[in-house]
């Protein structure tokens, strides 16, 4: 199987803003921010984006501990 076909089986790629890594305190913070920012205009609630830790782990690959650290940063 070709590598491109193998990658398609893994799932879809996700983009983030690399230039936010330093100002936000690291790569994990930039990834988490970028994912939430992506969803902000698609939110159905007046309160904004609602994602569980499990949702975010599935979407970003960040573990619960990595998410906590990103939020602190």
Protein backbone atom coordinates (compact mmCIF):
# COMPACT_ATOMS: atom_id res chain seq x y z
CA UNK A 1 0.00 0.00 0.00
CA UNK A 2 1.30 3.44 -0.88
CA UNK A 3 2.03 5.89 1.91
CA UNK A 4 -0.68 8.34 0.77
CA UNK A 5 -3.31 5.60 0.94
CA UNK A 6 -2.09 4.61 4.41
CA UNK A 7 -2.36 8.20 5.63
CA UNK A 8 -5.93 8.42 4.35
CA UNK A 9 -6.81 5.46 6.57
CA UNK A 10 -5.46 7.32 9.62
CA UNK A 11 -7.82 10.27 9.17
CA UNK A 12 -7.89 13.89 8.10
CA UNK A 13 -5.06 16.34 8.71
CA UNK A 14 -5.60 19.41 10.88
CA UNK A 15 -3.92 22.77 10.52
CA UNK A 16 -2.77 25.12 13.24
CA UNK A 17 -1.12 28.53 13.42
CA UNK A 18 2.60 27.86 14.04
CA UNK A 19 3.33 31.54 14.71
CA UNK A 20 1.09 31.35 17.79
CA UNK A 21 3.26 28.73 19.51
CA UNK A 22 5.64 31.23 21.14
CA UNK A 23 3.05 33.85 22.21
CA UNK A 24 0.70 31.17 23.61
CA UNK A 25 3.42 29.29 25.46
CA UNK A 26 4.05 26.29 23.25
CA UNK A 27 2.96 24.08 20.40
CA UNK A 28 0.19 22.32 22.33
CA UNK A 29 -1.41 25.66 23.23
CA UNK A 30 -1.27 26.73 19.57
CA UNK A 31 -2.86 23.47 18.44
CA UNK A 32 -5.64 23.67 21.03
CA UNK A 33 -6.33 27.34 20.30
CA UNK A 34 -6.39 26.70 16.55
CA UNK A 35 -8.89 23.85 16.92
CA UNK A 36 -11.24 25.89 19.09
CA UNK A 37 -10.85 28.89 16.78
CA UNK A 38 -11.76 26.66 13.83
CA UNK A 39 -15.05 25.73 15.52
CA UNK A 40 -15.95 29.19 16.85
CA UNK A 41 -17.95 30.25 13.81
CA UNK A 42 -19.66 26.85 13.62
CA UNK A 43 -20.92 26.86 17.23
CA UNK A 44 -24.64 26.49 17.78
CA UNK A 45 -24.68 27.81 21.33
CA UNK A 46 -24.72 31.43 22.46
CA UNK A 47 -22.03 30.36 24.95
CA UNK A 48 -19.63 29.46 22.14
CA UNK A 49 -17.75 26.27 21.34
CA UNK A 50 -18.41 23.21 23.49
CA UNK A 51 -15.98 20.32 23.17
CA UNK A 52 -15.26 17.59 25.69
CA UNK A 53 -11.70 16.60 26.53
CA UNK A 54 -12.33 13.38 24.62
CA UNK A 55 -13.59 15.32 21.58
CA UNK A 56 -10.48 17.47 21.61
CA UNK A 57 -8.20 14.48 22.06
CA UNK A 58 -9.80 12.78 19.07
CA UNK A 59 -9.59 15.93 16.93
CA UNK A 60 -6.11 17.13 17.91
CA UNK A 61 -4.27 14.14 19.34
CA UNK A 62 -3.57 16.11 22.53
CA UNK A 63 -3.96 14.03 25.69
CA UNK A 64 -6.01 15.33 28.61
CA UNK A 65 -2.79 16.32 30.41
CA UNK A 66 -1.50 18.13 27.33
CA UNK A 67 -4.80 19.99 27.05
CA UNK A 68 -4.62 21.05 30.71
CA UNK A 69 -1.07 22.34 30.22
CA UNK A 70 -2.10 24.17 27.03
CA UNK A 71 -4.99 25.85 28.86
CA UNK A 72 -2.69 26.92 31.71
CA UNK A 73 -0.27 28.43 29.19
